[in-house]
Amino acid sequence: MANNRIAGVAYVKFDGRQLPIKGNWEVGFNRLKREGIAGQDRVHGYKELPGVPSIEGDVSSTADVSLPELLRITDATVTLEHANGKVYVLRNAWTANEYTLQTAEGQIKVRFEGMEIDEL
């Protein structure tokens, strides 16, 4: 029997340490970024630049989650295991935004960016 599950349970880890995640998580599989170039008469083509792969979402602010520790991440391996069986691995990752604690929901939005991402 085939597994038809496409959404649900997920796990996020950095350097093997599991984070208490919640909400939606996004995987930015951006190896290339294309942008159209328009002239005054028509579209002339596009430019292509390297993209920055990312994994981001919300982490519960539990006792074992430290904002200063998250901010210090500069060369981590980040994995996201998805309910459908796919695993995404972000290598040489760093944290990419300023973090604030959202007290109403007890969460922190976390964004990891890295040098490369693979789907296993």
C-alpha atoms as a PDB file:
ATOM      1  CA  MET A   1       0.000   0.000   0.000  1.00  0.00           C
ATOM      2  CA  ALA A   2       1.359   3.404  -0.977  1.00  0.00           C
ATOM      3  CA  ASN A   3       1.887   6.122   1.583  1.00  0.00           C
ATOM      4  CA  ASN A   4      -0.354   9.021   0.559  1.00  0.00           C
ATOM      5  CA  ARG A   5       0.581  11.290   3.443  1.00  0.00           C
ATOM      6  CA  ILE A   6       1.837  14.623   2.099  1.00  0.00           C
ATOM      7  CA  ALA A   7       1.714  16.825   5.211  1.00  0.00           C
ATOM      8  CA  GLY A   8       1.873  16.668   8.969  1.00  0.00           C
ATOM      9  CA  VAL A   9       4.595  15.795  11.435  1.00  0.00           C
ATOM     10  CA  ALA A  10       8.020  17.340  10.820  1.00  0.00           C
ATOM     11  CA  TYR A  11      11.340  17.499  12.635  1.00  0.00           C
ATOM     12  CA  VAL A  12      14.074  20.145  12.422  1.00  0.00           C
ATOM     13  CA  LYS A  13      17.579  19.638  13.777  1.00  0.00           C
ATOM     14  CA  PHE A  14      20.784  21.639  13.713  1.00  0.00           C
ATOM     15  CA  ASP A  15      23.988  19.684  14.220  1.00  0.00           C
ATOM     16  CA  GLY A  16      21.870  16.755  15.451  1.00  0.00           C
ATOM     17  CA  ARG A  17      19.997  18.765  18.110  1.00  0.00           C
ATOM     18  CA  GLN A  18      16.227  18.699  17.641  1.00  0.00           C
ATOM     19  CA  LEU A  19      14.305  21.967  17.900  1.00  0.00           C
ATOM     20  CA  PRO A  20      10.753  22.192  19.335  1.00  0.00           C
ATOM     21  CA  ILE A  21       9.061  23.381  16.144  1.00  0.00           C
ATOM     22  CA  LYS A  22       5.519  24.592  15.508  1.00  0.00           C
ATOM     23  CA  GLY A  23       3.510  26.130  12.695  1.00  0.00           C
ATOM     24  CA  ASN A  24       4.497  25.975   9.071  1.00  0.00           C
ATOM     25  CA  TRP A  25       8.104  25.472   8.021  1.00  0.00           C
ATOM     26  CA  GLU A  26       9.406  26.464   4.630  1.00  0.00           C
ATOM     27  CA  VAL A  27      12.251  25.066   2.571  1.00  0.00           C
ATOM     28  CA  GLY A  28      13.775  27.538   0.115  1.00  0.00           C
ATOM     29  CA  PHE A  29      15.368  25.323  -2.501  1.00  0.00           C
ATOM     30  CA  ASN A  30      16.927  28.352  -4.183  1.00  0.00           C
ATOM     31  CA  ARG A  31      19.964  27.355  -6.175  1.00  0.00           C
ATOM     32  CA  LEU A  32      19.346  29.981  -8.837  1.00  0.00           C
ATOM     33  CA  LYS A  33      17.444  33.242  -8.847  1.00  0.00           C
ATOM     34  CA  ARG A  34      16.158  34.527 -12.164  1.00  0.00           C
ATOM     35  CA  GLU A  35      14.900  38.023 -12.820  1.00  0.00           C
ATOM     36  CA  GLY A  36      13.476  39.363 -16.044  1.00  0.00           C
ATOM     37  CA  ILE A  37      15.150  42.261 -17.837  1.00  0.00           C
ATOM     38  CA  ALA A  38      12.754  44.573 -19.647  1.00  0.00           C
ATOM     39  CA  GLY A  39      13.734  47.286 -22.058  1.00  0.00           C
ATOM     40  CA  GLN A  40      11.593  50.165 -23.181  1.00  0.00           C
ATOM     41  CA  ASP A  41      10.373  48.164 -26.162  1.00  0.00           C
ATOM     42  CA  ARG A  42       9.999  44.571 -24.865  1.00  0.00           C
ATOM     43  CA  VAL A  43      11.387  41.956 -22.521  1.00  0.00           C
ATOM     44  CA  HIS A  44      14.999  41.355 -23.518  1.00  0.00           C
ATOM     45  CA  GLY A  45      15.647  38.284 -21.418  1.00  0.00           C
ATOM     46  CA  TYR A  46      16.666  37.517 -17.870  1.00  0.00           C
ATOM     47  CA  LYS A  47      19.612  37.489 -15.534  1.00  0.00           C
ATOM     48  CA  GLU A  48      20.550  34.533 -13.397  1.00  0.00           C
ATOM     49  CA  LEU A  49      22.326  34.773 -10.043  1.00  0.00           C
ATOM     50  CA  PRO A  50      23.039  32.270  -7.287  1.00  0.00           C
ATOM     51  CA  GLY A  51      20.192  31.899  -4.816  1.00  0.00           C
ATOM     52  CA  VAL A  52      20.530  31.381  -1.067  1.00  0.00           C
ATOM     53  CA  PRO A  53      18.945  28.112   0.126  1.00  0.00           C
ATOM     54  CA  SER A  54      17.038  28.323   3.419  1.00  0.00           C
ATOM     55  CA  ILE A  55      14.910  26.554   6.001  1.00  0.00           C
ATOM     56  CA  GLU A  56      12.681  28.676   8.233  1.00  0.00           C
ATOM     57  CA  GLY A  57       9.798  28.497  10.669  1.00  0.00           C
ATOM     58  CA  ASP A  58       8.698  28.936  14.272  1.00  0.00           C
ATOM     59  CA  VAL A  59      10.350  27.393  17.324  1.00  0.00           C
ATOM     60  CA  SER A  60       8.608  27.120  20.694  1.00  0.00           C
ATOM     61  CA  SER A  61      10.362  29.104  23.405  1.00  0.00           C
ATOM     62  CA  THR A  62      10.982  26.176  25.747  1.00  0.00           C
ATOM     63  CA  ALA A  63      13.507  26.169  28.595  1.00  0.00           C
ATOM     64  CA  ASP A  64      16.167  24.515  26.419  1.00  0.00           C
ATOM     65  CA  VAL A  65      15.965  27.088  23.563  1.00  0.00           C
ATOM     66  CA  SER A  66      18.384  29.990  23.929  1.00  0.00           C
ATOM     67  CA  LEU A  67      18.215  33.127  21.755  1.00  0.00           C
ATOM     68  CA  PRO A  68      21.951  33.860  22.154  1.00  0.00           C
ATOM     69  CA  GLU A  69      22.770  30.264  21.179  1.00  0.00           C
ATOM     70  CA  LEU A  70      20.601  30.499  18.037  1.00  0.00           C
ATOM     71  CA  LEU A  71      22.315  33.754  17.066  1.00  0.00           C
ATOM     72  CA  ARG A  72      25.758  32.134  17.347  1.00  0.00           C
ATOM     73  CA  ILE A  73      25.053  29.438  14.735  1.00  0.00           C
ATOM     74  CA  THR A  74      27.435  29.999  11.823  1.00  0.00           C
ATOM     75  CA  ASP A  75      28.472  26.625  10.350  1.00  0.00           C
ATOM     76  CA  ALA A  76      25.755  24.075  11.082  1.00  0.00           C
ATOM     77  CA  THR A  77      24.113  21.209   9.264  1.00  0.00           C
ATOM     78  CA  VAL A  78      20.346  21.713   9.398  1.00  0.00           C
ATOM     79  CA  THR A  79      17.903  18.939   8.523  1.00  0.00           C
ATOM     80  CA  LEU A  80      14.166  19.058   8.030  1.00  0.00           C
ATOM     81  CA  GLU A  81      12.395  15.688   8.005  1.00  0.00           C
ATOM     82  CA  HIS A  82       8.958  15.965   6.426  1.00  0.00           C
ATOM     83  CA  ALA A  83       5.882  13.781   6.973  1.00  0.00           C
ATOM     84  CA  ASN A  84       6.023  12.562   3.365  1.00  0.00           C
ATOM     85  CA  GLY A  85       9.413  10.936   3.993  1.00  0.00           C
ATOM     86  CA  LYS A  86      11.572  13.554   2.294  1.00  0.00           C
ATOM     87  CA  VAL A  87      14.571  14.950   4.146  1.00  0.00           C
ATOM     88  CA  TYR A  88      16.189  18.288   3.322  1.00  0.00           C
ATOM     89  CA  VAL A  89      19.798  18.912   4.360  1.00  0.00           C
ATOM     90  CA  LEU A  90      21.143  22.483   4.495  1.00  0.00           C
ATOM     91  CA  ARG A  91      24.929  22.562   4.821  1.00  0.00           C
ATOM     92  CA  ASN A  92      27.281  25.228   6.174  1.00  0.00           C
ATOM     93  CA  ALA A  93      24.241  27.031   7.565  1.00  0.00           C
ATOM     94  CA  TRP A  94      23.971  30.176   9.655  1.00  0.00           C
ATOM     95  CA  THR A  95      21.088  31.978  11.319  1.00  0.00           C
ATOM     96  CA  ALA A  96      20.003  34.838   9.129  1.00  0.00           C
ATOM     97  CA  ASN A  97      17.647  37.185  10.937  1.00  0.00           C
ATOM     98  CA  GLU A  98      17.313  39.076  14.162  1.00  0.00           C
ATOM     99  CA  TYR A  99      15.272  37.014  16.570  1.00  0.00           C
ATOM    100  CA  THR A 100      12.558  38.288  18.820  1.00  0.00           C
ATOM    101  CA  LEU A 101      10.463  36.337  21.240  1.00  0.00           C
ATOM    102  CA  GLN A 102       6.740  36.538  20.450  1.00  0.00           C
ATOM    103  CA  THR A 103       5.304  36.197  23.934  1.00  0.00           C
ATOM    104  CA  ALA A 104       1.638  35.759  22.968  1.00  0.00           C
ATOM    105  CA  GLU A 105       2.444  32.477  21.226  1.00  0.00           C
ATOM    106  CA  GLY A 106       5.698  31.668  23.040  1.00  0.00           C
ATOM    107  CA  GLN A 107       7.632  31.321  19.814  1.00  0.00           C
ATOM    108  CA  ILE A 108      10.659  32.539  17.906  1.00  0.00           C
ATOM    109  CA  LYS A 109      10.812  32.759  14.096  1.00  0.00           C
ATOM    110  CA  VAL A 110      14.053  31.121  12.975  1.00  0.00           C
ATOM    111  CA  ARG A 111      15.677  31.337   9.545  1.00  0.00           C
ATOM    112  CA  PHE A 112      18.663  29.245   8.551  1.00  0.00           C
ATOM    113  CA  GLU A 113      20.520  30.061   5.321  1.00  0.00           C
ATOM    114  CA  GLY A 114      23.343  27.982   3.945  1.00  0.00           C
ATOM    115  CA  MET A 115      25.719  27.237   1.133  1.00  0.00           C
ATOM    116  CA  GLU A 116      23.831  24.293  -0.372  1.00  0.00           C
ATOM    117  CA  ILE A 117      20.687  22.247   0.135  1.00  0.00           C
ATOM    118  CA  ASP A 118      19.840  18.713  -0.945  1.00  0.00           C
ATOM    119  CA  GLU A 119      16.657  16.659  -0.964  1.00  0.00           C
ATOM    120  CA  LEU A 120      17.189  13.066   0.115  1.00  0.00           C
END
